Amino acid sequence: MHPSFGSAIEVAAATIFALALIHTFAAKQFERMSHRFPRHAGLFHLLGEVEIVFGFWASILLVVMAIGAGGKEALAYAESRNYTEPLFVFVVMVVAASRPVLQTVMTTVSLIARVVPLPTATATAWLGLAAVPLLGSLITEPAAMTIAALMLAPQIFRPDVPVIPKYLALGVLFVNISIGGTLTAYAAPPVLMVATTWQWDSAFMLATFGWKAALAVVVNATIATFMLRKHLNASSTDDSPASNNTPVSVTVVAVHLAVLAGVVILAHHPVAFIGLFLLFLGFTQAYERHQDPLIIKEALLVGFFLAGLVVLGGMQAWWLQPIVSSLEPIALFFGALGLTAITDNAALTYLGSLIDGISDESKYMLVAGAVAGGGLTVIANAPNPAGVALLKRGFSDETISIGGLLLGALAPTTIAAAALLFL
């Protein structure tokens, strides 16, 4: 490929990436157009699905590359990308949302909620917004997002709940998931990108990031629960996905939890965790009476979204890395906070890990800004598309407004940023 043409492809990729970002903000408008123009409702409904946006535009990028550089070069680029994260998120979503796992978590949460000196519905909502995101440091953020979303959907994310507190709760959930995974070195994607290179272990993460993040998680969850207190009631808690199910065999629960643990442990080895997932699918068929329908469709859409982000994001280093490498520590914190809103925070920290001689202070500021801004948009953090896919039915037109999410996430993001910057 001629160097000048390579530069042209990079510019085209940046332009397509910008169009994909605009598309995410316009997704709700496409959904409304599907009602106005019923003849083409299917097309507009497809374009209104946030989960397909980046996969759609990644396909366009590959077509442009094929036309300009040739089909072999386009395929070579697509095959050079690492799709481990999209595959992992797909698998862990399906396993974490299975009836035995979800029922186990819901039962545990219900037992704790009854002990806490608060109304059960209030305590359950608070635990879903605080305890489950922190649990993400053990079971990974995508698994925590899946469990929290399914827990909270019938209680908070209902069509009859007012828009403002609902978007605040959504912003709190996304921000808390993003920072709640920083108590260990393997659960949060942006931390995972740098942990080995910078020799950050879980003890370091807990002492440097974790306790600050946990404090911000508690504050955010408390504020959101207080704002929602009038809309929480026992009946909505009883409608949760696990409430009306008959008890699941202890053996089946143990197998599901073992599979979840295995998938988390094998997160960097797609051949291994996909093989385990296929065995899991066979097991669910064998013991179908203990199962609810698996969320294969939702998880596939999220995987498609993230794979598209991998393809598009791989062509953005030429303009992102110079920005990251040129900033002083404080500017880097706020730069990462802002850039995370328009690019995956794991991609951002990965670019930082490639900078030679980066100071320890700059390392901290880069990761702190990246995780603090992880709730601002759908693409800011890998688990966010999973939350959108599982919660969108509670919003008008079954579409989450990207602008609404941004506004809802501003306050919890500010609290998270303050905790990581000043404590």
Foldseek 3Di string as FASTA:
>chain_A
DDPVVLVVLLVVLVVLLVVLVVLLQCLVVLLVVLVVDVVCNVVSPVSSQNLQSLLVSLVVSLVVCCVRPNNVVSVVLLVPFDLLLLLLLLLLLLLLLKQLNLLVVLVVQQVVLVVPPDPSQLSSQLCLQAVLLLCLLPLALLSSLSSSLLQCQLFQLAQPHDLQLSLLSLLSSQLSNLLSNQLAQQRFLQSVLQCVLVVPGNVNSNVQRNVLSNVLSNVSSVVSSVVCVVRGDPVSNCPGPNNPDDDADPVVSVLSVVLSNVSSVCSVPSVVNVVSSVVVVVVCVVVVSRTDDGPNVLSVSLSSSVSSLSSSVVSNLVPLLVVLVPDDLVVLLVVLLVVLQSHALNSNSNSVSPDPPDDPSNNLSSSLSLSLNRQQFCRSGSSSSSSLSSSLVSHPSSHDNSVSNNVSNPVSSVSSSCSSPPD
